[in-house]
PDB file of N, CA and C in Angstrom:
ATOM      1  N   MET A   1       0.786  -1.123  -0.086  1.00  0.00           N
ATOM      2  CA  MET A   1      -0.066   0.094   0.052  1.00  0.00           C
ATOM      3  C   MET A   1       0.786   1.236  -0.028  1.00  0.00           C
ATOM      4  N   GLU A   2       0.439   2.231  -0.772  1.00  0.00           N
ATOM      5  CA  GLU A   2       1.205   3.490  -0.827  1.00  0.00           C
ATOM      6  C   GLU A   2       1.177   4.207   0.568  1.00  0.00           C
ATOM      7  N   GLN A   3       2.207   4.979   0.724  1.00  0.00           N
ATOM      8  CA  GLN A   3       2.474   5.719   1.999  1.00  0.00           C
ATOM      9  C   GLN A   3       1.497   7.033   1.898  1.00  0.00           C
ATOM     10  N   VAL A   4       0.599   7.260   2.791  1.00  0.00           N
ATOM     11  CA  VAL A   4      -0.287   8.431   2.726  1.00  0.00           C
ATOM     12  C   VAL A   4       0.169   9.450   3.654  1.00  0.00           C
ATOM     13  N   GLU A   5       0.752   8.951   4.880  1.00  0.00           N
ATOM     14  CA  GLU A   5       1.310   9.914   5.700  1.00  0.00           C
ATOM     15  C   GLU A   5       2.597  10.589   5.438  1.00  0.00           C
ATOM     16  N   GLU A   6       2.858  11.756   6.012  1.00  0.00           N
ATOM     17  CA  GLU A   6       4.102  12.363   5.764  1.00  0.00           C
ATOM     18  C   GLU A   6       5.212  11.710   6.323  1.00  0.00           C
ATOM     19  N   GLU A   7       6.487  11.861   5.771  1.00  0.00           N
ATOM     20  CA  GLU A   7       7.708  11.181   6.322  1.00  0.00           C
ATOM     21  C   GLU A   7       7.981  11.512   7.920  1.00  0.00           C
ATOM     22  N   GLU A   8       7.720  12.952   8.056  1.00  0.00           N
ATOM     23  CA  GLU A   8       7.752  13.544   9.463  1.00  0.00           C
ATOM     24  C   GLU A   8       6.364  13.701   9.765  1.00  0.00           C
ATOM     25  N   PRO A   9       5.914  12.887  10.817  1.00  0.00           N
ATOM     26  CA  PRO A   9       4.425  12.934  11.338  1.00  0.00           C
ATOM     27  C   PRO A   9       4.071  14.356  11.590  1.00  0.00           C
ATOM     28  N   THR A  10       3.147  14.808  11.216  1.00  0.00           N
ATOM     29  CA  THR A  10       2.676  16.134  11.522  1.00  0.00           C
ATOM     30  C   THR A  10       1.328  16.218  11.994  1.00  0.00           C
ATOM     31  N   GLY A  11       0.613  14.967  12.022  1.00  0.00           N
ATOM     32  CA  GLY A  11      -0.812  14.858  12.417  1.00  0.00           C
ATOM     33  C   GLY A  11      -1.687  15.074  11.236  1.00  0.00           C
ATOM     34  N   TYR A  12      -1.295  15.460  10.210  1.00  0.00           N
ATOM     35  CA  TYR A  12      -2.131  15.846   8.951  1.00  0.00           C
ATOM     36  C   TYR A  12      -1.774  14.904   7.735  1.00  0.00           C
ATOM     37  N   ILE A  13      -2.758  14.871   6.894  1.00  0.00           N
ATOM     38  CA  ILE A  13      -2.448  14.146   5.490  1.00  0.00           C
ATOM     39  C   ILE A  13      -2.718  15.032   4.498  1.00  0.00           C
ATOM     40  N   HIS A  14      -1.872  15.381   3.540  1.00  0.00           N
ATOM     41  CA  HIS A  14      -2.115  16.123   2.462  1.00  0.00           C
ATOM     42  C   HIS A  14      -3.145  15.763   1.577  1.00  0.00           C
ATOM     43  N   LEU A  15      -4.094  16.562   1.045  1.00  0.00           N
ATOM     44  CA  LEU A  15      -5.206  16.314   0.378  1.00  0.00           C
ATOM     45  C   LEU A  15      -4.659  15.597  -0.975  1.00  0.00           C
ATOM     46  N   GLU A  16      -3.609  16.070  -1.691  1.00  0.00           N
ATOM     47  CA  GLU A  16      -2.947  15.507  -2.887  1.00  0.00           C
ATOM     48  C   GLU A  16      -2.698  14.086  -2.736  1.00  0.00           C
ATOM     49  N   LYS A  17      -2.198  13.667  -1.531  1.00  0.00           N
ATOM     50  CA  LYS A  17      -1.972  12.160  -1.213  1.00  0.00           C
ATOM     51  C   LYS A  17      -2.992  11.368  -0.903  1.00  0.00           C
ATOM     52  N   PHE A  18      -4.132  12.069  -0.122  1.00  0.00           N
ATOM     53  CA  PHE A  18      -5.457  11.431   0.319  1.00  0.00           C
ATOM     54  C   PHE A  18      -6.268  11.064  -0.851  1.00  0.00           C
ATOM     55  N   LEU A  19      -6.514  11.908  -1.784  1.00  0.00           N
ATOM     56  CA  LEU A  19      -7.559  11.768  -2.805  1.00  0.00           C
ATOM     57  C   LEU A  19      -7.194  10.504  -3.584  1.00  0.00           C
ATOM     58  N   PRO A  20      -6.118  10.448  -4.145  1.00  0.00           N
ATOM     59  CA  PRO A  20      -5.764   9.247  -5.002  1.00  0.00           C
ATOM     60  C   PRO A  20      -5.778   7.895  -4.217  1.00  0.00           C
ATOM     61  N   MET A  21      -5.599   7.881  -2.961  1.00  0.00           N
ATOM     62  CA  MET A  21      -5.529   6.731  -2.236  1.00  0.00           C
ATOM     63  C   MET A  21      -6.895   6.343  -1.739  1.00  0.00           C
ATOM     64  N   MET A  22      -7.902   7.343  -1.537  1.00  0.00           N
ATOM     65  CA  MET A  22      -9.280   7.039  -1.447  1.00  0.00           C
ATOM     66  C   MET A  22     -10.049   6.656  -2.567  1.00  0.00           C
ATOM     67  N   THR A  23      -9.679   7.209  -3.741  1.00  0.00           N
ATOM     68  CA  THR A  23     -10.266   6.902  -4.974  1.00  0.00           C
ATOM     69  C   THR A  23      -9.888   5.343  -5.380  1.00  0.00           C
ATOM     70  N   LYS A  24      -8.585   5.013  -4.976  1.00  0.00           N
ATOM     71  CA  LYS A  24      -8.319   3.587  -5.347  1.00  0.00           C
ATOM     72  C   LYS A  24      -9.119   2.643  -4.338  1.00  0.00           C
ATOM     73  N   VAL A  25      -9.252   3.195  -3.109  1.00  0.00           N
ATOM     74  CA  VAL A  25      -9.936   2.238  -2.137  1.00  0.00           C
ATOM     75  C   VAL A  25     -11.327   2.017  -2.646  1.00  0.00           C
ATOM     76  N   LEU A  26     -11.862   3.351  -2.855  1.00  0.00           N
ATOM     77  CA  LEU A  26     -13.472   3.051  -3.425  1.00  0.00           C
ATOM     78  C   LEU A  26     -13.663   2.188  -4.704  1.00  0.00           C
ATOM     79  N   MET A  27     -12.613   2.578  -5.659  1.00  0.00           N
ATOM     80  CA  MET A  27     -12.828   1.761  -6.778  1.00  0.00           C
ATOM     81  C   MET A  27     -12.672   0.172  -6.648  1.00  0.00           C
ATOM     82  N   GLU A  28     -11.679  -0.150  -5.758  1.00  0.00           N
ATOM     83  CA  GLU A  28     -11.570  -1.480  -5.368  1.00  0.00           C
ATOM     84  C   GLU A  28     -12.699  -2.074  -4.493  1.00  0.00           C
ATOM     85  N   LYS A  29     -13.695  -1.220  -4.157  1.00  0.00           N
ATOM     86  CA  LYS A  29     -14.904  -1.620  -3.494  1.00  0.00           C
ATOM     87  C   LYS A  29     -14.399  -2.326  -2.112  1.00  0.00           C
ATOM     88  N   ARG A  30     -13.418  -1.774  -1.313  1.00  0.00           N
ATOM     89  CA  ARG A  30     -12.935  -2.289  -0.035  1.00  0.00           C
ATOM     90  C   ARG A  30     -13.987  -2.159   0.986  1.00  0.00           C
ATOM     91  N   TYR A  31     -14.771  -1.122   0.776  1.00  0.00           N
ATOM     92  CA  TYR A  31     -15.862  -0.851   1.893  1.00  0.00           C
ATOM     93  C   TYR A  31     -17.076  -1.063   1.252  1.00  0.00           C
ATOM     94  N   ARG A  32     -18.130  -1.758   1.901  1.00  0.00           N
ATOM     95  CA  ARG A  32     -19.287  -2.222   1.446  1.00  0.00           C
ATOM     96  C   ARG A  32     -20.351  -0.789   1.680  1.00  0.00           C
ATOM     97  N   PRO A  33     -21.173  -0.787   0.656  1.00  0.00           N
ATOM     98  CA  PRO A  33     -22.215   0.629   0.930  1.00  0.00           C
ATOM     99  C   PRO A  33     -23.083   0.073   2.028  1.00  0.00           C
ATOM    100  N   ILE A  34     -23.708   1.083   2.688  1.00  0.00           N
ATOM    101  CA  ILE A  34     -24.752   0.892   3.565  1.00  0.00           C
ATOM    102  C   ILE A  34     -26.009   0.494   2.740  1.00  0.00           C
ATOM    103  N   PRO A  35     -26.696  -0.671   3.201  1.00  0.00           N
ATOM    104  CA  PRO A  35     -27.922  -0.976   2.393  1.00  0.00           C
ATOM    105  C   PRO A  35     -28.966   0.208   2.687  1.00  0.00           C
ATOM    106  N   GLU A  36     -29.973   0.050   1.554  1.00  0.00           N
ATOM    107  CA  GLU A  36     -30.912   0.995   1.653  1.00  0.00           C
ATOM    108  C   GLU A  36     -31.898   1.000   2.802  1.00  0.00           C
ATOM    109  N   ASP A  37     -32.199  -0.207   3.231  1.00  0.00           N
ATOM    110  CA  ASP A  37     -33.072  -0.471   4.362  1.00  0.00           C
ATOM    111  C   ASP A  37     -32.536   0.239   5.817  1.00  0.00           C
ATOM    112  N   VAL A  38     -31.197   0.163   5.790  1.00  0.00           N
ATOM    113  CA  VAL A  38     -30.534   0.707   7.066  1.00  0.00           C
ATOM    114  C   VAL A  38     -30.479   2.240   6.932  1.00  0.00           C
ATOM    115  N   LEU A  39     -30.262   2.678   5.666  1.00  0.00           N
ATOM    116  CA  LEU A  39     -30.445   4.304   5.617  1.00  0.00           C
ATOM    117  C   LEU A  39     -31.845   4.734   5.766  1.00  0.00           C
ATOM    118  N   LEU A  40     -32.826   3.930   5.318  1.00  0.00           N
ATOM    119  CA  LEU A  40     -34.122   4.401   5.695  1.00  0.00           C
ATOM    120  C   LEU A  40     -34.573   4.343   7.071  1.00  0.00           C
ATOM    121  N   HIS A  41     -34.013   3.322   7.795  1.00  0.00           N
ATOM    122  CA  HIS A  41     -34.300   3.110   9.146  1.00  0.00           C
ATOM    123  C   HIS A  41     -33.673   4.335  10.010  1.00  0.00           C
ATOM    124  N   ALA A  42     -32.555   4.760   9.537  1.00  0.00           N
ATOM    125  CA  ALA A  42     -31.805   5.876  10.257  1.00  0.00           C
ATOM    126  C   ALA A  42     -32.717   7.153  10.077  1.00  0.00           C
ATOM    127  N   PHE A  43     -33.222   7.386   8.915  1.00  0.00           N
ATOM    128  CA  PHE A  43     -34.061   8.507   8.830  1.00  0.00           C
ATOM    129  C   PHE A  43     -35.364   8.440   9.471  1.00  0.00           C
ATOM    130  N   GLU A  44     -35.801   7.213   9.430  1.00  0.00           N
ATOM    131  CA  GLU A  44     -37.215   7.053  10.235  1.00  0.00           C
ATOM    132  C   GLU A  44     -36.985   7.257  11.708  1.00  0.00           C
ATOM    133  N   VAL A  45     -35.773   7.060  12.242  1.00  0.00           N
ATOM    134  CA  VAL A  45     -35.534   7.395  13.699  1.00  0.00           C
ATOM    135  C   VAL A  45     -35.535   8.790  13.987  1.00  0.00           C
ATOM    136  N   LEU A  46     -35.009   9.674  12.970  1.00  0.00           N
ATOM    137  CA  LEU A  46     -34.939  11.020  13.033  1.00  0.00           C
ATOM    138  C   LEU A  46     -36.321  11.581  12.782  1.00  0.00           C
ATOM    139  N   ASP A  47     -36.983  10.955  12.113  1.00  0.00           N
ATOM    140  CA  ASP A  47     -38.610  11.537  11.779  1.00  0.00           C
ATOM    141  C   ASP A  47     -39.450  11.076  12.791  1.00  0.00           C
ATOM    142  N   GLN A  48     -39.319  11.849  14.013  1.00  0.00           N
ATOM    143  CA  GLN A  48     -40.196  11.404  15.187  1.00  0.00           C
ATOM    144  C   GLN A  48     -41.547  11.412  14.903  1.00  0.00           C
ATOM    145  N   ASN A  49     -42.046  12.400  13.983  1.00  0.00           N
ATOM    146  CA  ASN A  49     -43.566  12.658  13.740  1.00  0.00           C
ATOM    147  C   ASN A  49     -44.074  11.614  12.805  1.00  0.00           C
ATOM    148  N   LYS A  50     -43.189  10.794  12.114  1.00  0.00           N
ATOM    149  CA  LYS A  50     -43.498   9.773  10.938  1.00  0.00           C
ATOM    150  C   LYS A  50     -44.143  10.535   9.929  1.00  0.00           C
ATOM    151  N   ASN A  51     -43.622  11.610   9.454  1.00  0.00           N
ATOM    152  CA  ASN A  51     -44.146  12.453   8.285  1.00  0.00           C
ATOM    153  C   ASN A  51     -43.578  11.866   6.927  1.00  0.00           C
ATOM    154  N   GLY A  52     -42.495  11.073   6.849  1.00  0.00           N
ATOM    155  CA  GLY A  52     -42.012  10.672   5.667  1.00  0.00           C
ATOM    156  C   GLY A  52     -40.907  11.819   5.125  1.00  0.00           C
ATOM    157  N   TYR A  53     -40.690  12.762   5.846  1.00  0.00           N
ATOM    158  CA  TYR A  53     -39.804  13.909   5.582  1.00  0.00           C
ATOM    159  C   TYR A  53     -39.290  14.534   6.848  1.00  0.00           C
ATOM    160  N   LEU A  54     -38.032  15.165   6.556  1.00  0.00           N
ATOM    161  CA  LEU A  54     -37.481  16.007   7.661  1.00  0.00           C
ATOM    162  C   LEU A  54     -37.557  17.364   7.159  1.00  0.00           C
ATOM    163  N   THR A  55     -37.776  18.310   8.132  1.00  0.00           N
ATOM    164  CA  THR A  55     -37.567  19.756   7.733  1.00  0.00           C
ATOM    165  C   THR A  55     -36.080  20.127   7.683  1.00  0.00           C
ATOM    166  N   LYS A  56     -35.763  21.199   6.909  1.00  0.00           N
ATOM    167  CA  LYS A  56     -34.604  21.756   6.945  1.00  0.00           C
ATOM    168  C   LYS A  56     -33.975  22.011   8.398  1.00  0.00           C
ATOM    169  N   GLN A  57     -34.717  22.420   9.159  1.00  0.00           N
ATOM    170  CA  GLN A  57     -34.223  22.786  10.492  1.00  0.00           C
ATOM    171  C   GLN A  57     -33.989  21.476  11.378  1.00  0.00           C
ATOM    172  N   GLU A  58     -34.836  20.458  11.218  1.00  0.00           N
ATOM    173  CA  GLU A  58     -34.769  19.186  11.974  1.00  0.00           C
ATOM    174  C   GLU A  58     -33.500  18.545  11.548  1.00  0.00           C
ATOM    175  N   LEU A  59     -33.085  18.709  10.181  1.00  0.00           N
ATOM    176  CA  LEU A  59     -31.785  17.870   9.808  1.00  0.00           C
ATOM    177  C   LEU A  59     -30.702  18.683   9.991  1.00  0.00           C
ATOM    178  N   ILE A  60     -30.681  20.095  10.231  1.00  0.00           N
ATOM    179  CA  ILE A  60     -29.650  20.850  10.641  1.00  0.00           C
ATOM    180  C   ILE A  60     -29.339  20.526  12.072  1.00  0.00           C
ATOM    181  N   LYS A  61     -30.469  20.532  12.813  1.00  0.00           N
ATOM    182  CA  LYS A  61     -30.278  20.211  14.288  1.00  0.00           C
ATOM    183  C   LYS A  61     -29.542  18.829  14.429  1.00  0.00           C
ATOM    184  N   CYS A  62     -30.083  17.854  13.883  1.00  0.00           N
ATOM    185  CA  CYS A  62     -29.588  16.553  14.029  1.00  0.00           C
ATOM    186  C   CYS A  62     -28.028  16.326  13.608  1.00  0.00           C
ATOM    187  N   MET A  63     -27.730  17.148  12.409  1.00  0.00           N
ATOM    188  CA  MET A  63     -26.430  16.890  11.837  1.00  0.00           C
ATOM    189  C   MET A  63     -25.302  17.783  12.578  1.00  0.00           C
ATOM    190  N   THR A  64     -25.823  18.748  13.376  1.00  0.00           N
ATOM    191  CA  THR A  64     -24.883  19.687  13.898  1.00  0.00           C
ATOM    192  C   THR A  64     -24.693  19.724  15.324  1.00  0.00           C
ATOM    193  N   GLU A  65     -25.774  19.067  16.042  1.00  0.00           N
ATOM    194  CA  GLU A  65     -25.708  18.863  17.424  1.00  0.00           C
ATOM    195  C   GLU A  65     -25.641  17.536  17.954  1.00  0.00           C
ATOM    196  N   GLU A  66     -25.638  16.446  17.234  1.00  0.00           N
ATOM    197  CA  GLU A  66     -25.424  15.013  17.655  1.00  0.00           C
ATOM    198  C   GLU A  66     -24.264  14.416  17.014  1.00  0.00           C
ATOM    199  N   GLY A  67     -23.621  13.559  17.742  1.00  0.00           N
ATOM    200  CA  GLY A  67     -22.575  12.911  17.038  1.00  0.00           C
ATOM    201  C   GLY A  67     -21.418  13.671  16.727  1.00  0.00           C
ATOM    202  N   GLU A  68     -20.781  13.306  15.761  1.00  0.00           N
ATOM    203  CA  GLU A  68     -19.723  14.149  15.022  1.00  0.00           C
ATOM    204  C   GLU A  68     -20.283  15.164  14.239  1.00  0.00           C
ATOM    205  N   PRO A  69     -20.386  16.537  14.573  1.00  0.00           N
ATOM    206  CA  PRO A  69     -21.172  17.489  13.937  1.00  0.00           C
ATOM    207  C   PRO A  69     -20.690  17.785  12.551  1.00  0.00           C
ATOM    208  N   PHE A  70     -21.552  18.089  11.710  1.00  0.00           N
ATOM    209  CA  PHE A  70     -21.141  18.550  10.328  1.00  0.00           C
ATOM    210  C   PHE A  70     -20.694  19.868  10.273  1.00  0.00           C
ATOM    211  N   THR A  71     -19.845  20.236   9.556  1.00  0.00           N
ATOM    212  CA  THR A  71     -19.383  21.801   9.399  1.00  0.00           C
ATOM    213  C   THR A  71     -20.439  22.486   8.465  1.00  0.00           C
ATOM    214  N   GLN A  72     -20.376  23.774   8.643  1.00  0.00           N
ATOM    215  CA  GLN A  72     -21.145  24.546   7.843  1.00  0.00           C
ATOM    216  C   GLN A  72     -21.219  24.141   6.351  1.00  0.00           C
ATOM    217  N   GLU A  73     -19.973  23.927   5.702  1.00  0.00           N
ATOM    218  CA  GLU A  73     -19.758  23.575   4.336  1.00  0.00           C
ATOM    219  C   GLU A  73     -20.320  22.214   4.122  1.00  0.00           C
ATOM    220  N   GLU A  74     -20.156  21.237   5.003  1.00  0.00           N
ATOM    221  CA  GLU A  74     -20.662  19.953   4.784  1.00  0.00           C
ATOM    222  C   GLU A  74     -22.276  20.104   4.858  1.00  0.00           C
ATOM    223  N   MET A  75     -22.810  20.967   5.780  1.00  0.00           N
ATOM    224  CA  MET A  75     -24.242  21.042   5.758  1.00  0.00           C
ATOM    225  C   MET A  75     -24.835  21.553   4.508  1.00  0.00           C
ATOM    226  N   GLU A  76     -24.303  22.691   4.056  1.00  0.00           N
ATOM    227  CA  GLU A  76     -24.529  23.291   2.665  1.00  0.00           C
ATOM    228  C   GLU A  76     -24.734  22.353   1.553  1.00  0.00           C
ATOM    229  N   GLU A  77     -23.534  21.380   1.426  1.00  0.00           N
ATOM    230  CA  GLU A  77     -23.454  20.681   0.410  1.00  0.00           C
ATOM    231  C   GLU A  77     -24.551  19.499   0.554  1.00  0.00           C
ATOM    232  N   MET A  78     -24.728  18.944   1.781  1.00  0.00           N
ATOM    233  CA  MET A  78     -25.794  17.865   2.024  1.00  0.00           C
ATOM    234  C   MET A  78     -27.337  18.533   1.668  1.00  0.00           C
ATOM    235  N   LEU A  79     -27.527  19.847   2.026  1.00  0.00           N
ATOM    236  CA  LEU A  79     -28.722  20.537   1.858  1.00  0.00           C
ATOM    237  C   LEU A  79     -29.014  20.740   0.328  1.00  0.00           C
ATOM    238  N   SER A  80     -27.843  21.047  -0.228  1.00  0.00           N
ATOM    239  CA  SER A  80     -28.105  21.293  -1.754  1.00  0.00           C
ATOM    240  C   SER A  80     -28.584  19.981  -2.569  1.00  0.00           C
ATOM    241  N   ALA A  81     -28.124  18.919  -2.052  1.00  0.00           N
ATOM    242  CA  ALA A  81     -28.562  17.746  -2.695  1.00  0.00           C
ATOM    243  C   ALA A  81     -29.871  17.176  -2.102  1.00  0.00           C
ATOM    244  N   ALA A  82     -30.195  17.381  -0.878  1.00  0.00           N
ATOM    245  CA  ALA A  82     -31.300  16.700  -0.248  1.00  0.00           C
ATOM    246  C   ALA A  82     -32.519  17.344  -0.284  1.00  0.00           C
ATOM    247  N   ILE A  83     -32.556  18.727  -0.109  1.00  0.00           N
ATOM    248  CA  ILE A  83     -33.774  19.519   0.106  1.00  0.00           C
ATOM    249  C   ILE A  83     -34.456  19.858  -1.195  1.00  0.00           C
ATOM    250  N   ASP A  84     -35.789  19.840  -0.914  1.00  0.00           N
ATOM    251  CA  ASP A  84     -36.685  20.346  -2.076  1.00  0.00           C
ATOM    252  C   ASP A  84     -36.817  21.844  -1.849  1.00  0.00           C
ATOM    253  N   PRO A  85     -36.325  22.561  -2.827  1.00  0.00           N
ATOM    254  CA  PRO A  85     -36.303  23.977  -2.643  1.00  0.00           C
ATOM    255  C   PRO A  85     -37.742  24.708  -2.527  1.00  0.00           C
ATOM    256  N   GLU A  86     -38.900  23.998  -3.035  1.00  0.00           N
ATOM    257  CA  GLU A  86     -40.154  24.551  -2.874  1.00  0.00           C
ATOM    258  C   GLU A  86     -40.560  24.190  -1.562  1.00  0.00           C
ATOM    259  N   THR A  87     -40.438  23.214  -0.919  1.00  0.00           N
ATOM    260  CA  THR A  87     -41.189  22.805   0.386  1.00  0.00           C
ATOM    261  C   THR A  87     -40.228  22.978   1.538  1.00  0.00           C
ATOM    262  N   ASN A  88     -38.868  23.197   1.088  1.00  0.00           N
ATOM    263  CA  ASN A  88     -37.785  23.310   2.321  1.00  0.00           C
ATOM    264  C   ASN A  88     -37.939  22.026   3.161  1.00  0.00           C
ATOM    265  N   LYS A  89     -38.162  20.837   2.635  1.00  0.00           N
ATOM    266  CA  LYS A  89     -38.175  19.605   3.201  1.00  0.00           C
ATOM    267  C   LYS A  89     -37.295  18.571   2.499  1.00  0.00           C
ATOM    268  N   ILE A  90     -36.995  17.540   3.340  1.00  0.00           N
ATOM    269  CA  ILE A  90     -36.093  16.510   2.732  1.00  0.00           C
ATOM    270  C   ILE A  90     -37.012  15.252   2.711  1.00  0.00           C
ATOM    271  N   CYS A  91     -37.442  14.832   1.571  1.00  0.00           N
ATOM    272  CA  CYS A  91     -38.267  13.615   1.522  1.00  0.00           C
ATOM    273  C   CYS A  91     -37.141  12.530   1.324  1.00  0.00           C
ATOM    274  N   TYR A  92     -36.903  11.861   2.623  1.00  0.00           N
ATOM    275  CA  TYR A  92     -35.812  11.120   2.589  1.00  0.00           C
ATOM    276  C   TYR A  92     -35.751   9.761   1.791  1.00  0.00           C
ATOM    277  N   LYS A  93     -36.932   9.305   1.588  1.00  0.00           N
ATOM    278  CA  LYS A  93     -36.932   8.063   0.577  1.00  0.00           C
ATOM    279  C   LYS A  93     -36.447   8.500  -0.873  1.00  0.00           C
ATOM    280  N   ASP A  94     -36.680   9.716  -1.225  1.00  0.00           N
ATOM    281  CA  ASP A  94     -36.097  10.305  -2.619  1.00  0.00           C
ATOM    282  C   ASP A  94     -34.745  10.276  -2.375  1.00  0.00           C
ATOM    283  N   TYR A  95     -34.270  10.911  -1.267  1.00  0.00           N
ATOM    284  CA  TYR A  95     -32.815  11.387  -1.148  1.00  0.00           C
ATOM    285  C   TYR A  95     -32.046  10.021  -1.023  1.00  0.00           C
ATOM    286  N   ILE A  96     -32.541   8.859  -0.202  1.00  0.00           N
ATOM    287  CA  ILE A  96     -31.871   7.731  -0.150  1.00  0.00           C
ATOM    288  C   ILE A  96     -31.644   6.980  -1.504  1.00  0.00           C
ATOM    289  N   SER A  97     -32.611   7.139  -2.395  1.00  0.00           N
ATOM    290  CA  SER A  97     -32.391   6.631  -3.814  1.00  0.00           C
ATOM    291  C   SER A  97     -31.227   7.162  -4.495  1.00  0.00           C
ATOM    292  N   MET A  98     -30.945   8.642  -4.094  1.00  0.00           N
ATOM    293  CA  MET A  98     -29.735   9.216  -4.611  1.00  0.00           C
ATOM    294  C   MET A  98     -28.479   8.710  -3.977  1.00  0.00           C
ATOM    295  N   MET A  99     -28.513   8.371  -2.839  1.00  0.00           N
ATOM    296  CA  MET A  99     -27.259   7.871  -1.920  1.00  0.00           C
ATOM    297  C   MET A  99     -27.005   6.445  -2.319  1.00  0.00           C
ATOM    298  N   VAL A 100     -27.927   5.543  -2.675  1.00  0.00           N
ATOM    299  CA  VAL A 100     -27.545   4.051  -2.994  1.00  0.00           C
ATOM    300  C   VAL A 100     -26.715   3.838  -3.955  1.00  0.00           C
ATOM    301  N   VAL A 101     -25.825   3.108  -3.914  1.00  0.00           N
ATOM    302  CA  VAL A 101     -24.861   2.655  -5.024  1.00  0.00           C
ATOM    303  C   VAL A 101     -25.335   1.362  -5.571  1.00  0.00           C
ATOM    304  N   ASP A 102     -25.601   1.407  -6.938  1.00  0.00           N
ATOM    305  CA  ASP A 102     -25.883   0.194  -7.575  1.00  0.00           C
ATOM    306  C   ASP A 102     -24.624  -0.793  -7.816  1.00  0.00           C
ATOM    307  N   GLU A 103     -24.693  -1.904  -7.140  1.00  0.00           N
ATOM    308  CA  GLU A 103     -23.370  -2.694  -7.151  1.00  0.00           C
ATOM    309  C   GLU A 103     -23.171  -3.557  -8.340  1.00  0.00           C
ATOM    310  N   ASN A 104     -24.352  -3.409  -9.178  1.00  0.00           N
ATOM    311  CA  ASN A 104     -24.026  -4.410 -10.604  1.00  0.00           C
ATOM    312  C   ASN A 104     -23.479  -3.520 -11.634  1.00  0.00           C
TER     313      ASN A 104
END
């Protein structure tokens, strides 16, 4: 395996070394994608009212206050892909279909 760390350990990995390594790892399918039913269950746990969607505010609260919080940039990127601009809601069944990788 290629060396990703610096010769002198600094605690950082340079992006130009990280990206090719991660591309190789992903192309070799070393990590299995999360199954659609597991993703759906995760969203259903967040959807306490069982509406079939999350509001923008609910998603931001979950993703920035729980676990390892998303950065502002990560939230903006996620919201740009997930949120319906007309309703300001995330219909998570539609979003999951965008996230699932076809293994065939």
